[in-house]
């Protein structure tokens, strides 16, 4: 096995619901301040940890998604609790999945000190 839990019915149903949400949400502008998006993060967390812990991680991520949080690259932690990969600065984060505010901030000219 690859270290991932066997996915039960609840996990598969949740993952299917998230995929449906992702298809529908493509019709609206992205406003997510994180990469990967909160729905993709939750999908990956459920895939990696199962329904209960994956949903818990996804809920914690959604609660961090507010105007006072800078957002950026925030991967699902690995099985030992550490994020996969090194955190990246906002300039290294792929802009395709970033929210509108963050994309505008990246495009705006920086003030020289």
PDB file of N, CA and C in Angstrom:
ATOM      1  N   UNK A   1       0.843  -1.193   0.000  1.00  0.00           N
ATOM      2  CA  UNK A   1       0.000   0.000   0.000  1.00  0.00           C
ATOM      3  C   UNK A   1       0.879   1.244   0.000  1.00  0.00           C
ATOM      4  N   UNK A   2       0.337   2.367  -0.369  1.00  0.00           N
ATOM      5  CA  UNK A   2       1.087   3.612  -0.489  1.00  0.00           C
ATOM      6  C   UNK A   2       1.049   4.454   0.783  1.00  0.00           C
ATOM      7  N   UNK A   3       0.544   3.911   1.878  1.00  0.00           N
ATOM      8  CA  UNK A   3       0.492   4.685   3.105  1.00  0.00           C
ATOM      9  C   UNK A   3      -0.811   5.455   3.260  1.00  0.00           C
ATOM     10  N   UNK A   4      -1.637   5.465   2.223  1.00  0.00           N
ATOM     11  CA  UNK A   4      -2.913   6.154   2.296  1.00  0.00           C
ATOM     12  C   UNK A   4      -3.974   5.176   2.778  1.00  0.00           C
ATOM     13  N   UNK A   5      -4.958   5.660   3.554  1.00  0.00           N
ATOM     14  CA  UNK A   5      -6.005   4.766   4.028  1.00  0.00           C
ATOM     15  C   UNK A   5      -6.900   4.324   2.880  1.00  0.00           C
ATOM     16  N   UNK A   6      -7.513   3.153   3.057  1.00  0.00           N
ATOM     17  CA  UNK A   6      -8.525   2.720   2.104  1.00  0.00           C
ATOM     18  C   UNK A   6      -9.677   3.707   2.203  1.00  0.00           C
ATOM     19  N   UNK A   7     -10.153   4.178   1.084  1.00  0.00           N
ATOM     20  CA  UNK A   7     -11.227   5.166   1.105  1.00  0.00           C
ATOM     21  C   UNK A   7     -12.568   4.466   1.254  1.00  0.00           C
ATOM     22  N   UNK A   8     -13.298   4.847   2.271  1.00  0.00           N
ATOM     23  CA  UNK A   8     -14.611   4.293   2.507  1.00  0.00           C
ATOM     24  C   UNK A   8     -15.669   5.018   1.683  1.00  0.00           C
ATOM     25  N   UNK A   9     -16.888   4.582   1.854  1.00  0.00           N
ATOM     26  CA  UNK A   9     -18.003   5.164   1.111  1.00  0.00           C
ATOM     27  C   UNK A   9     -18.152   6.656   1.410  1.00  0.00           C
ATOM     28  N   UNK A  10     -18.036   7.038   2.678  1.00  0.00           N
ATOM     29  CA  UNK A  10     -18.188   8.456   3.043  1.00  0.00           C
ATOM     30  C   UNK A  10     -17.137   9.313   2.346  1.00  0.00           C
ATOM     31  N   UNK A  11     -15.888   8.851   2.342  1.00  0.00           N
ATOM     32  CA  UNK A  11     -14.812   9.614   1.694  1.00  0.00           C
ATOM     33  C   UNK A  11     -15.066   9.737   0.197  1.00  0.00           C
ATOM     34  N   UNK A  12     -15.473   8.652  -0.432  1.00  0.00           N
ATOM     35  CA  UNK A  12     -15.729   8.702  -1.881  1.00  0.00           C
ATOM     36  C   UNK A  12     -16.905   9.623  -2.202  1.00  0.00           C
ATOM     37  N   UNK A  13     -17.933   9.609  -1.360  1.00  0.00           N
ATOM     38  CA  UNK A  13     -19.079  10.495  -1.588  1.00  0.00           C
ATOM     39  C   UNK A  13     -18.679  11.958  -1.408  1.00  0.00           C
ATOM     40  N   UNK A  14     -17.897  12.241  -0.377  1.00  0.00           N
ATOM     41  CA  UNK A  14     -17.431  13.613  -0.158  1.00  0.00           C
ATOM     42  C   UNK A  14     -16.569  14.086  -1.322  1.00  0.00           C
ATOM     43  N   UNK A  15     -15.680  13.225  -1.788  1.00  0.00           N
ATOM     44  CA  UNK A  15     -14.807  13.596  -2.901  1.00  0.00           C
ATOM     45  C   UNK A  15     -15.621  13.835  -4.172  1.00  0.00           C
ATOM     46  N   UNK A  16     -16.646  13.030  -4.396  1.00  0.00           N
ATOM     47  CA  UNK A  16     -17.520  13.247  -5.548  1.00  0.00           C
ATOM     48  C   UNK A  16     -18.275  14.562  -5.441  1.00  0.00           C
ATOM     49  N   UNK A  17     -18.735  14.888  -4.241  1.00  0.00           N
ATOM     50  CA  UNK A  17     -19.435  16.157  -4.014  1.00  0.00           C
ATOM     51  C   UNK A  17     -18.505  17.339  -4.264  1.00  0.00           C
ATOM     52  N   UNK A  18     -17.259  17.217  -3.820  1.00  0.00           N
ATOM     53  CA  UNK A  18     -16.286  18.292  -4.046  1.00  0.00           C
ATOM     54  C   UNK A  18     -16.019  18.459  -5.533  1.00  0.00           C
ATOM     55  N   UNK A  19     -15.868  17.358  -6.267  1.00  0.00           N
ATOM     56  CA  UNK A  19     -15.638  17.448  -7.718  1.00  0.00           C
ATOM     57  C   UNK A  19     -16.823  18.117  -8.415  1.00  0.00           C
ATOM     58  N   UNK A  20     -18.040  17.789  -7.998  1.00  0.00           N
ATOM     59  CA  UNK A  20     -19.224  18.433  -8.572  1.00  0.00           C
ATOM     60  C   UNK A  20     -19.192  19.932  -8.286  1.00  0.00           C
ATOM     61  N   UNK A  21     -18.886  20.309  -7.050  1.00  0.00           N
ATOM     62  CA  UNK A  21     -18.765  21.720  -6.686  1.00  0.00           C
ATOM     63  C   UNK A  21     -17.711  22.407  -7.549  1.00  0.00           C
ATOM     64  N   UNK A  22     -16.577  21.760  -7.760  1.00  0.00           N
ATOM     65  CA  UNK A  22     -15.506  22.360  -8.555  1.00  0.00           C
ATOM     66  C   UNK A  22     -15.949  22.585  -9.998  1.00  0.00           C
ATOM     67  N   UNK A  23     -16.719  21.659 -10.546  1.00  0.00           N
ATOM     68  CA  UNK A  23     -17.203  21.838 -11.924  1.00  0.00           C
ATOM     69  C   UNK A  23     -18.165  23.023 -12.019  1.00  0.00           C
ATOM     70  N   UNK A  24     -19.061  23.124 -11.046  1.00  0.00           N
ATOM     71  CA  UNK A  24     -20.036  24.219 -11.041  1.00  0.00           C
ATOM     72  C   UNK A  24     -19.340  25.551 -10.773  1.00  0.00           C
ATOM     73  N   UNK A  25     -18.371  25.561  -9.871  1.00  0.00           N
ATOM     74  CA  UNK A  25     -17.726  26.824  -9.497  1.00  0.00           C
ATOM     75  C   UNK A  25     -16.825  27.375 -10.596  1.00  0.00           C
ATOM     76  N   UNK A  26     -16.509  26.593 -11.600  1.00  0.00           N
ATOM     77  CA  UNK A  26     -15.728  27.111 -12.734  1.00  0.00           C
ATOM     78  C   UNK A  26     -16.491  28.194 -13.496  1.00  0.00           C
ATOM     79  N   UNK A  27     -17.794  28.247 -13.287  1.00  0.00           N
ATOM     80  CA  UNK A  27     -18.623  29.230 -13.976  1.00  0.00           C
ATOM     81  C   UNK A  27     -18.537  30.609 -13.329  1.00  0.00           C
ATOM     82  N   UNK A  28     -17.922  30.703 -12.162  1.00  0.00           N
ATOM     83  CA  UNK A  28     -17.802  31.978 -11.451  1.00  0.00           C
ATOM     84  C   UNK A  28     -16.327  32.350 -11.303  1.00  0.00           C
ATOM     85  N   UNK A  29     -16.029  33.637 -11.129  1.00  0.00           N
ATOM     86  CA  UNK A  29     -14.630  34.039 -10.946  1.00  0.00           C
ATOM     87  C   UNK A  29     -14.047  33.458  -9.652  1.00  0.00           C
ATOM     88  N   UNK A  30     -12.781  33.097  -9.699  1.00  0.00           N
ATOM     89  CA  UNK A  30     -12.102  32.545  -8.527  1.00  0.00           C
ATOM     90  C   UNK A  30     -11.803  33.660  -7.528  1.00  0.00           C
ATOM     91  N   UNK A  31     -12.113  33.420  -6.269  1.00  0.00           N
ATOM     92  CA  UNK A  31     -11.806  34.391  -5.223  1.00  0.00           C
ATOM     93  C   UNK A  31     -10.971  33.764  -4.110  1.00  0.00           C
ATOM     94  N   UNK A  32     -10.498  32.552  -4.324  1.00  0.00           N
ATOM     95  CA  UNK A  32      -9.730  31.862  -3.290  1.00  0.00           C
ATOM     96  C   UNK A  32      -8.371  32.519  -3.123  1.00  0.00           C
ATOM     97  N   UNK A  33      -7.968  32.759  -1.886  1.00  0.00           N
ATOM     98  CA  UNK A  33      -6.695  33.411  -1.609  1.00  0.00           C
ATOM     99  C   UNK A  33      -5.578  32.406  -1.389  1.00  0.00           C
ATOM    100  N   UNK A  34      -5.883  31.123  -1.481  1.00  0.00           N
ATOM    101  CA  UNK A  34      -4.887  30.082  -1.267  1.00  0.00           C
ATOM    102  C   UNK A  34      -4.624  29.281  -2.534  1.00  0.00           C
ATOM    103  N   UNK A  35      -3.484  28.626  -2.562  1.00  0.00           N
ATOM    104  CA  UNK A  35      -3.183  27.613  -3.566  1.00  0.00           C
ATOM    105  C   UNK A  35      -2.677  26.397  -2.819  1.00  0.00           C
ATOM    106  N   UNK A  36      -3.236  25.235  -3.014  1.00  0.00           N
ATOM    107  CA  UNK A  36      -4.406  24.951  -3.835  1.00  0.00           C
ATOM    108  C   UNK A  36      -5.667  25.556  -3.225  1.00  0.00           C
ATOM    109  N   UNK A  37      -6.716  25.623  -4.033  1.00  0.00           N
ATOM    110  CA  UNK A  37      -7.978  26.194  -3.551  1.00  0.00           C
ATOM    111  C   UNK A  37      -8.480  25.391  -2.351  1.00  0.00           C
ATOM    112  N   UNK A  38      -9.399  25.969  -1.600  1.00  0.00           N
ATOM    113  CA  UNK A  38      -9.928  25.286  -0.417  1.00  0.00           C
ATOM    114  C   UNK A  38     -10.603  23.967  -0.791  1.00  0.00           C
ATOM    115  N   UNK A  39     -11.313  23.935  -1.912  1.00  0.00           N
ATOM    116  CA  UNK A  39     -11.964  22.685  -2.309  1.00  0.00           C
ATOM    117  C   UNK A  39     -10.933  21.634  -2.718  1.00  0.00           C
ATOM    118  N   UNK A  40      -9.894  22.034  -3.445  1.00  0.00           N
ATOM    119  CA  UNK A  40      -8.856  21.078  -3.835  1.00  0.00           C
ATOM    120  C   UNK A  40      -8.084  20.600  -2.609  1.00  0.00           C
ATOM    121  N   UNK A  41      -7.818  21.493  -1.681  1.00  0.00           N
ATOM    122  CA  UNK A  41      -7.139  21.143  -0.429  1.00  0.00           C
ATOM    123  C   UNK A  41      -7.949  20.086   0.322  1.00  0.00           C
ATOM    124  N   UNK A  42      -9.266  20.316   0.453  1.00  0.00           N
ATOM    125  CA  UNK A  42     -10.123  19.374   1.166  1.00  0.00           C
ATOM    126  C   UNK A  42     -10.179  18.040   0.442  1.00  0.00           C
ATOM    127  N   UNK A  43     -10.268  18.066  -0.887  1.00  0.00           N
ATOM    128  CA  UNK A  43     -10.270  16.834  -1.682  1.00  0.00           C
ATOM    129  C   UNK A  43      -9.003  16.027  -1.405  1.00  0.00           C
ATOM    130  N   UNK A  44      -7.851  16.692  -1.470  1.00  0.00           N
ATOM    131  CA  UNK A  44      -6.574  16.014  -1.237  1.00  0.00           C
ATOM    132  C   UNK A  44      -6.460  15.517   0.205  1.00  0.00           C
ATOM    133  N   UNK A  45      -6.967  16.291   1.164  1.00  0.00           N
ATOM    134  CA  UNK A  45      -6.914  15.880   2.568  1.00  0.00           C
ATOM    135  C   UNK A  45      -7.769  14.635   2.798  1.00  0.00           C
ATOM    136  N   UNK A  46      -8.956  14.583   2.199  1.00  0.00           N
ATOM    137  CA  UNK A  46      -9.814  13.403   2.323  1.00  0.00           C
ATOM    138  C   UNK A  46      -9.145  12.209   1.651  1.00  0.00           C
ATOM    139  N   UNK A  47      -8.565  12.434   0.493  1.00  0.00           N
ATOM    140  CA  UNK A  47      -7.874  11.368  -0.234  1.00  0.00           C
ATOM    141  C   UNK A  47      -6.712  10.818   0.598  1.00  0.00           C
ATOM    142  N   UNK A  48      -5.997  11.671   1.275  1.00  0.00           N
ATOM    143  CA  UNK A  48      -4.814  11.271   2.035  1.00  0.00           C
ATOM    144  C   UNK A  48      -5.159  10.687   3.408  1.00  0.00           C
ATOM    145  N   UNK A  49      -6.150  11.273   4.099  1.00  0.00           N
ATOM    146  CA  UNK A  49      -6.399  10.916   5.495  1.00  0.00           C
ATOM    147  C   UNK A  49      -7.748  10.260   5.758  1.00  0.00           C
ATOM    148  N   UNK A  50      -8.631  10.197   4.767  1.00  0.00           N
ATOM    149  CA  UNK A  50      -9.961   9.661   4.994  1.00  0.00           C
ATOM    150  C   UNK A  50     -10.953  10.776   5.288  1.00  0.00           C
ATOM    151  N   UNK A  51     -12.230  10.393   5.419  1.00  0.00           N
ATOM    152  CA  UNK A  51     -13.315  11.372   5.511  1.00  0.00           C
ATOM    153  C   UNK A  51     -13.225  12.265   6.748  1.00  0.00           C
ATOM    154  N   UNK A  52     -13.043  11.685   7.913  1.00  0.00           N
ATOM    155  CA  UNK A  52     -13.122  12.469   9.147  1.00  0.00           C
ATOM    156  C   UNK A  52     -11.976  13.467   9.276  1.00  0.00           C
ATOM    157  N   UNK A  53     -10.748  12.988   9.209  1.00  0.00           N
ATOM    158  CA  UNK A  53      -9.604  13.896   9.362  1.00  0.00           C
ATOM    159  C   UNK A  53      -9.495  14.841   8.166  1.00  0.00           C
ATOM    160  N   UNK A  54      -9.805  14.347   6.969  1.00  0.00           N
ATOM    161  CA  UNK A  54      -9.759  15.201   5.784  1.00  0.00           C
ATOM    162  C   UNK A  54     -10.742  16.352   5.870  1.00  0.00           C
ATOM    163  N   UNK A  55     -11.959  16.054   6.332  1.00  0.00           N
ATOM    164  CA  UNK A  55     -12.953  17.121   6.513  1.00  0.00           C
ATOM    165  C   UNK A  55     -12.502  18.106   7.585  1.00  0.00           C
ATOM    166  N   UNK A  56     -11.903  17.601   8.661  1.00  0.00           N
ATOM    167  CA  UNK A  56     -11.409  18.476   9.726  1.00  0.00           C
ATOM    168  C   UNK A  56     -10.342  19.427   9.184  1.00  0.00           C
ATOM    169  N   UNK A  57      -9.383  18.889   8.421  1.00  0.00           N
ATOM    170  CA  UNK A  57      -8.341  19.737   7.830  1.00  0.00           C
ATOM    171  C   UNK A  57      -8.951  20.757   6.868  1.00  0.00           C
ATOM    172  N   UNK A  58      -9.937  20.315   6.069  1.00  0.00           N
ATOM    173  CA  UNK A  58     -10.598  21.220   5.138  1.00  0.00           C
ATOM    174  C   UNK A  58     -11.349  22.331   5.854  1.00  0.00           C
ATOM    175  N   UNK A  59     -12.021  21.990   6.948  1.00  0.00           N
ATOM    176  CA  UNK A  59     -12.743  23.003   7.726  1.00  0.00           C
ATOM    177  C   UNK A  59     -11.771  24.021   8.313  1.00  0.00           C
ATOM    178  N   UNK A  60     -10.644  23.539   8.845  1.00  0.00           N
ATOM    179  CA  UNK A  60      -9.655  24.471   9.388  1.00  0.00           C
ATOM    180  C   UNK A  60      -9.129  25.398   8.296  1.00  0.00           C
ATOM    181  N   UNK A  61      -8.961  24.881   7.087  1.00  0.00           N
ATOM    182  CA  UNK A  61      -8.474  25.696   5.968  1.00  0.00           C
ATOM    183  C   UNK A  61      -9.495  26.760   5.611  1.00  0.00           C
ATOM    184  N   UNK A  62     -10.776  26.368   5.515  1.00  0.00           N
ATOM    185  CA  UNK A  62     -11.834  27.324   5.171  1.00  0.00           C
ATOM    186  C   UNK A  62     -11.918  28.422   6.229  1.00  0.00           C
ATOM    187  N   UNK A  63     -11.726  28.076   7.487  1.00  0.00           N
ATOM    188  CA  UNK A  63     -11.768  29.083   8.554  1.00  0.00           C
ATOM    189  C   UNK A  63     -10.591  30.051   8.482  1.00  0.00           C
ATOM    190  N   UNK A  64      -9.495  29.643   7.846  1.00  0.00           N
ATOM    191  CA  UNK A  64      -8.357  30.556   7.649  1.00  0.00           C
ATOM    192  C   UNK A  64      -8.581  31.479   6.452  1.00  0.00           C
ATOM    193  N   UNK A  65      -9.586  31.202   5.658  1.00  0.00           N
ATOM    194  CA  UNK A  65      -9.834  31.972   4.434  1.00  0.00           C
ATOM    195  C   UNK A  65     -10.706  33.184   4.767  1.00  0.00           C
ATOM    196  N   UNK A  66     -10.062  34.286   5.079  1.00  0.00           N
ATOM    197  CA  UNK A  66     -10.765  35.524   5.409  1.00  0.00           C
ATOM    198  C   UNK A  66      -9.902  36.701   4.955  1.00  0.00           C
ATOM    199  N   UNK A  67     -10.470  37.896   4.891  1.00  0.00           N
ATOM    200  CA  UNK A  67      -9.737  39.049   4.351  1.00  0.00           C
ATOM    201  C   UNK A  67      -8.468  39.417   5.108  1.00  0.00           C
ATOM    202  N   UNK A  68      -8.321  38.973   6.341  1.00  0.00           N
ATOM    203  CA  UNK A  68      -7.155  39.358   7.130  1.00  0.00           C
ATOM    204  C   UNK A  68      -6.011  38.354   7.039  1.00  0.00           C
ATOM    205  N   UNK A  69      -6.221  37.268   6.313  1.00  0.00           N
ATOM    206  CA  UNK A  69      -5.158  36.269   6.124  1.00  0.00           C
ATOM    207  C   UNK A  69      -4.518  36.508   4.761  1.00  0.00           C
ATOM    208  N   UNK A  70      -3.189  36.488   4.678  1.00  0.00           N
ATOM    209  CA  UNK A  70      -2.534  36.787   3.400  1.00  0.00           C
ATOM    210  C   UNK A  70      -2.725  35.718   2.334  1.00  0.00           C
ATOM    211  N   UNK A  71      -3.075  34.490   2.716  1.00  0.00           N
ATOM    212  CA  UNK A  71      -3.225  33.431   1.728  1.00  0.00           C
ATOM    213  C   UNK A  71      -1.880  32.941   1.245  1.00  0.00           C
ATOM    214  N   UNK A  72      -1.840  32.436   0.006  1.00  0.00           N
ATOM    215  CA  UNK A  72      -0.595  31.946  -0.571  1.00  0.00           C
ATOM    216  C   UNK A  72      -0.584  30.436  -0.676  1.00  0.00           C
ATOM    217  N   UNK A  73       0.607  29.872  -0.754  1.00  0.00           N
ATOM    218  CA  UNK A  73       0.788  28.429  -0.915  1.00  0.00           C
ATOM    219  C   UNK A  73       0.605  27.736   0.429  1.00  0.00           C
ATOM    220  N   UNK A  74      -0.343  26.801   0.501  1.00  0.00           N
ATOM    221  CA  UNK A  74      -0.664  26.108   1.746  1.00  0.00           C
ATOM    222  C   UNK A  74      -1.041  24.665   1.420  1.00  0.00           C
ATOM    223  N   UNK A  75      -0.053  23.771   1.305  1.00  0.00           N
ATOM    224  CA  UNK A  75      -0.345  22.390   0.919  1.00  0.00           C
ATOM    225  C   UNK A  75      -0.928  21.574   2.070  1.00  0.00           C
ATOM    226  N   UNK A  76      -1.560  20.454   1.719  1.00  0.00           N
ATOM    227  CA  UNK A  76      -2.047  19.502   2.710  1.00  0.00           C
ATOM    228  C   UNK A  76      -0.827  18.896   3.408  1.00  0.00           C
ATOM    229  N   UNK A  77      -0.866  18.774   4.746  1.00  0.00           N
ATOM    230  CA  UNK A  77       0.279  18.165   5.428  1.00  0.00           C
ATOM    231  C   UNK A  77       0.423  16.696   5.049  1.00  0.00           C
ATOM    232  N   UNK A  78       1.651  16.177   5.172  1.00  0.00           N
ATOM    233  CA  UNK A  78       1.841  14.754   4.908  1.00  0.00           C
ATOM    234  C   UNK A  78       1.389  13.959   6.134  1.00  0.00           C
ATOM    235  N   UNK A  79       1.617  12.673   6.137  1.00  0.00           N
ATOM    236  CA  UNK A  79       1.122  11.819   7.218  1.00  0.00           C
ATOM    237  C   UNK A  79       1.743  12.135   8.567  1.00  0.00           C
ATOM    238  N   UNK A  80       2.933  12.729   8.586  1.00  0.00           N
ATOM    239  CA  UNK A  80       3.570  13.085   9.850  1.00  0.00           C
ATOM    240  C   UNK A  80       3.179  14.480  10.315  1.00  0.00           C
ATOM    241  N   UNK A  81       2.367  15.191   9.556  1.00  0.00           N
ATOM    242  CA  UNK A  81       1.894  16.501   9.963  1.00  0.00           C
ATOM    243  C   UNK A  81       2.647  17.668   9.356  1.00  0.00           C
ATOM    244  N   UNK A  82       3.683  17.411   8.571  1.00  0.00           N
ATOM    245  CA  UNK A  82       4.432  18.489   7.931  1.00  0.00           C
ATOM    246  C   UNK A  82       3.874  18.737   6.536  1.00  0.00           C
ATOM    247  N   UNK A  83       3.855  19.987   6.082  1.00  0.00           N
ATOM    248  CA  UNK A  83       3.394  20.261   4.726  1.00  0.00           C
ATOM    249  C   UNK A  83       4.287  19.561   3.709  1.00  0.00           C
ATOM    250  N   UNK A  84       3.691  19.148   2.607  1.00  0.00           N
ATOM    251  CA  UNK A  84       4.459  18.553   1.517  1.00  0.00           C
ATOM    252  C   UNK A  84       5.140  19.663   0.746  1.00  0.00           C
ATOM    253  N   UNK A  85       6.396  19.557   0.538  1.00  0.00           N
ATOM    254  CA  UNK A  85       7.112  20.577  -0.214  1.00  0.00           C
ATOM    255  C   UNK A  85       7.410  21.782   0.651  1.00  0.00           C
ATOM    256  N   UNK A  86       8.259  22.611   0.141  1.00  0.00           N
ATOM    257  CA  UNK A  86       8.635  23.826   0.847  1.00  0.00           C
ATOM    258  C   UNK A  86       7.607  24.915   0.582  1.00  0.00           C
ATOM    259  N   UNK A  87       7.217  25.684   1.599  1.00  0.00           N
ATOM    260  CA  UNK A  87       6.329  26.812   1.344  1.00  0.00           C
ATOM    261  C   UNK A  87       6.989  27.786   0.378  1.00  0.00           C
ATOM    262  N   UNK A  88       6.190  28.365  -0.471  1.00  0.00           N
ATOM    263  CA  UNK A  88       6.720  29.281  -1.474  1.00  0.00           C
ATOM    264  C   UNK A  88       6.254  30.691  -1.184  1.00  0.00           C
ATOM    265  N   UNK A  89       7.047  31.641  -1.613  1.00  0.00           N
ATOM    266  CA  UNK A  89       6.609  33.024  -1.494  1.00  0.00           C
ATOM    267  C   UNK A  89       5.516  33.264  -2.520  1.00  0.00           C
ATOM    268  N   UNK A  90       4.779  34.330  -2.342  1.00  0.00           N
ATOM    269  CA  UNK A  90       3.664  34.601  -3.238  1.00  0.00           C
ATOM    270  C   UNK A  90       4.120  34.775  -4.680  1.00  0.00           C
ATOM    271  N   UNK A  91       5.330  35.254  -4.894  1.00  0.00           N
ATOM    272  CA  UNK A  91       5.834  35.427  -6.252  1.00  0.00           C
ATOM    273  C   UNK A  91       6.096  34.121  -6.962  1.00  0.00           C
ATOM    274  N   UNK A  92       6.285  33.021  -6.218  1.00  0.00           N
ATOM    275  CA  UNK A  92       6.545  31.724  -6.818  1.00  0.00           C
ATOM    276  C   UNK A  92       5.287  30.884  -6.949  1.00  0.00           C
ATOM    277  N   UNK A  93       4.166  31.366  -6.418  1.00  0.00           N
ATOM    278  CA  UNK A  93       2.928  30.609  -6.442  1.00  0.00           C
ATOM    279  C   UNK A  93       2.278  30.726  -7.813  1.00  0.00           C
ATOM    280  N   UNK A  94       1.797  29.606  -8.386  1.00  0.00           N
ATOM    281  CA  UNK A  94       1.106  29.698  -9.669  1.00  0.00           C
ATOM    282  C   UNK A  94      -0.108  30.613  -9.554  1.00  0.00           C
ATOM    283  N   UNK A  95      -0.235  31.557 -10.469  1.00  0.00           N
ATOM    284  CA  UNK A  95      -1.305  32.548 -10.362  1.00  0.00           C
ATOM    285  C   UNK A  95      -2.621  32.076 -10.953  1.00  0.00           C
ATOM    286  N   UNK A  96      -2.635  30.982 -11.670  1.00  0.00           N
ATOM    287  CA  UNK A  96      -3.862  30.518 -12.303  1.00  0.00           C
ATOM    288  C   UNK A  96      -4.966  30.276 -11.279  1.00  0.00           C
ATOM    289  N   UNK A  97      -4.622  29.733 -10.120  1.00  0.00           N
ATOM    290  CA  UNK A  97      -5.631  29.377  -9.137  1.00  0.00           C
ATOM    291  C   UNK A  97      -5.767  30.399  -8.018  1.00  0.00           C
ATOM    292  N   UNK A  98      -5.061  31.485  -8.098  1.00  0.00           N
ATOM    293  CA  UNK A  98      -5.144  32.490  -7.045  1.00  0.00           C
ATOM    294  C   UNK A  98      -6.390  33.342  -7.221  1.00  0.00           C
ATOM    295  N   UNK A  99      -6.869  33.903  -6.131  1.00  0.00           N
ATOM    296  CA  UNK A  99      -8.035  34.763  -6.176  1.00  0.00           C
ATOM    297  C   UNK A  99      -7.754  36.078  -6.881  1.00  0.00           C
ATOM    298  N   UNK A 100      -8.811  36.788  -7.215  1.00  0.00           N
ATOM    299  CA  UNK A 100      -8.705  38.034  -7.964  1.00  0.00           C
ATOM    300  C   UNK A 100      -7.858  39.066  -7.228  1.00  0.00           C
ATOM    301  N   UNK A 101      -8.093  39.249  -5.929  1.00  0.00           N
ATOM    302  CA  UNK A 101      -7.315  40.238  -5.175  1.00  0.00           C
ATOM    303  C   UNK A 101      -5.826  39.933  -5.226  1.00  0.00           C
ATOM    304  N   UNK A 102      -5.489  38.662  -5.057  1.00  0.00           N
ATOM    305  CA  UNK A 102      -4.085  38.294  -5.041  1.00  0.00           C
ATOM    306  C   UNK A 102      -3.460  38.489  -6.425  1.00  0.00           C
ATOM    307  N   UNK A 103      -4.203  38.147  -7.479  1.00  0.00           N
ATOM    308  CA  UNK A 103      -3.676  38.350  -8.835  1.00  0.00           C
ATOM    309  C   UNK A 103      -3.431  39.828  -9.101  1.00  0.00           C
ATOM    310  N   UNK A 104      -4.360  40.687  -8.656  1.00  0.00           N
ATOM    311  CA  UNK A 104      -4.188  42.124  -8.844  1.00  0.00           C
ATOM    312  C   UNK A 104      -2.989  42.637  -8.055  1.00  0.00           C
ATOM    313  N   UNK A 105      -2.795  42.111  -6.851  1.00  0.00           N
ATOM    314  CA  UNK A 105      -1.644  42.524  -6.046  1.00  0.00           C
ATOM    315  C   UNK A 105      -0.337  42.133  -6.720  1.00  0.00           C
ATOM    316  N   UNK A 106      -0.327  40.980  -7.362  1.00  0.00           N
ATOM    317  CA  UNK A 106       0.885  40.536  -8.055  1.00  0.00           C
ATOM    318  C   UNK A 106       1.179  41.404  -9.274  1.00  0.00           C
ATOM    319  N   UNK A 107       0.129  41.916  -9.907  1.00  0.00           N
ATOM    320  CA  UNK A 107       0.301  42.709 -11.120  1.00  0.00           C
ATOM    321  C   UNK A 107       0.595  44.175 -10.833  1.00  0.00           C
ATOM    322  N   UNK A 108       0.236  44.647  -9.640  1.00  0.00           N
ATOM    323  CA  UNK A 108       0.427  46.066  -9.343  1.00  0.00           C
ATOM    324  C   UNK A 108       1.917  46.371  -9.176  1.00  0.00           C
ATOM    325  N   UNK A 109       2.336  47.573  -9.607  1.00  0.00           N
ATOM    326  CA  UNK A 109       3.756  47.926  -9.473  1.00  0.00           C
ATOM    327  C   UNK A 109       4.139  48.060  -8.007  1.00  0.00           C
ATOM    328  N   UNK A 110       5.333  47.604  -7.689  1.00  0.00           N
ATOM    329  CA  UNK A 110       5.826  47.685  -6.308  1.00  0.00           C
ATOM    330  C   UNK A 110       6.517  49.017  -6.098  1.00  0.00           C
ATOM    331  N   UNK A 111       6.308  49.575  -4.905  1.00  0.00           N
ATOM    332  CA  UNK A 111       6.970  50.829  -4.550  1.00  0.00           C
ATOM    333  C   UNK A 111       8.407  50.527  -4.162  1.00  0.00           C
ATOM    334  N   UNK A 112       9.320  51.321  -4.673  1.00  0.00           N
ATOM    335  CA  UNK A 112      10.730  51.148  -4.315  1.00  0.00           C
ATOM    336  C   UNK A 112      11.004  51.911  -3.035  1.00  0.00           C
ATOM    337  N   UNK A 113      11.814  51.299  -2.185  1.00  0.00           N
ATOM    338  CA  UNK A 113      12.139  51.943  -0.906  1.00  0.00           C
ATOM    339  C   UNK A 113      13.417  52.712  -1.013  1.00  0.00           C
TER     340      UNK A 113
END
